[in-house]
Amino acid sequence: MTPIQLLKKAYAWGPVLFGIGFFAPVIAQTLDATAVAPPFGLTTIQTGLVTGILLGSIAKLRGRWI
C-alpha cells in the first residue's frame, strides 16, 4: 500500500478521528470544569470518547457535521 492510498483511507475516517482527538478532551475538560458527574459511573474522558466517537460517526455517515 502506497502512502497516498494510506492517506486516502485515513482521510475517509477524518470525522471520527477528529471526534476522538478534539471533541473527547474538550468534553472531558468541560465536565471537569463544570463539576458535572458523568453518567453510568464512567470517567470524564470515557464519556468524552464515547460522545466524540458518536458525533464523528454520525458526521461520517451523513457526510457533514451540521
Protein backbone atom coordinates (compact mmCIF):
# COMPACT_ATOMS: atom_id res chain seq x y z
CA MET A 1 0.00 0.00 0.00
CA THR A 2 1.45 3.34 -1.02
CA PRO A 3 1.46 6.34 1.31
CA ILE A 4 -1.12 8.07 -0.89
CA GLN A 5 -3.54 5.15 -0.57
CA LEU A 6 -3.00 5.12 3.18
CA LEU A 7 -3.79 8.83 3.41
CA LYS A 8 -6.94 8.38 1.34
CA LYS A 9 -8.18 5.68 3.71
CA ALA A 10 -7.30 7.75 6.79
CA TYR A 11 -8.97 10.84 5.31
CA ALA A 12 -12.24 8.96 4.96
CA TRP A 13 -12.20 8.43 8.76
CA GLY A 14 -11.32 12.07 9.44
CA PRO A 15 -14.56 12.97 11.24
CA VAL A 16 -14.23 10.04 13.64
CA LEU A 17 -10.56 10.84 14.30
CA PHE A 18 -11.49 14.49 14.88
CA GLY A 19 -14.18 13.40 17.32
CA ILE A 20 -11.63 11.32 19.24
CA GLY A 21 -8.75 13.78 19.07
CA PHE A 22 -10.59 17.06 19.61
CA PHE A 23 -14.10 16.56 20.95
CA ALA A 24 -13.22 13.93 23.55
CA PRO A 25 -10.74 16.07 25.53
CA VAL A 26 -12.93 19.18 25.21
CA ILE A 27 -15.97 17.32 26.53
CA ALA A 28 -13.92 15.77 29.36
CA GLN A 29 -12.48 19.13 30.40
CA THR A 30 -15.90 20.76 30.22
CA LEU A 31 -17.34 18.09 32.51
CA ASP A 32 -14.43 18.59 34.92
CA ALA A 33 -14.71 22.39 34.87
CA THR A 34 -18.45 22.40 35.49
CA ALA A 35 -18.32 19.58 38.07
CA VAL A 36 -20.95 17.61 36.17
CA ALA A 37 -20.90 13.92 37.04
CA PRO A 38 -20.55 11.64 34.01
CA PRO A 39 -23.36 9.11 33.52
CA PHE A 40 -23.20 5.37 34.25
CA GLY A 41 -20.15 5.72 36.51
CA LEU A 42 -17.82 6.47 33.60
CA THR A 43 -14.83 8.77 33.91
CA THR A 44 -14.94 12.12 32.17
CA ILE A 45 -12.53 11.02 29.43
CA GLN A 46 -14.55 7.87 28.79
CA THR A 47 -17.68 9.98 28.44
CA GLY A 48 -15.81 12.32 26.10
CA LEU A 49 -14.55 9.44 23.98
CA VAL A 50 -17.99 7.86 23.67
CA THR A 51 -19.54 11.20 22.74
CA GLY A 52 -16.71 12.09 20.34
CA ILE A 53 -16.88 8.74 18.58
CA LEU A 54 -20.66 9.01 18.26
CA LEU A 55 -20.53 12.56 16.89
CA GLY A 56 -17.71 11.65 14.49
CA SER A 57 -19.51 8.53 13.29
CA ILE A 58 -22.70 10.48 12.68
CA ALA A 59 -20.74 13.11 10.73
CA LYS A 60 -19.04 10.37 8.67
CA LEU A 61 -22.33 8.66 7.85
CA ARG A 62 -24.15 11.88 7.00
CA GLY A 63 -21.20 13.40 5.18
CA ARG A 64 -21.38 16.69 7.10
CA TRP A 65 -21.20 18.00 10.65
CA ILE A 66 -24.34 20.14 10.65
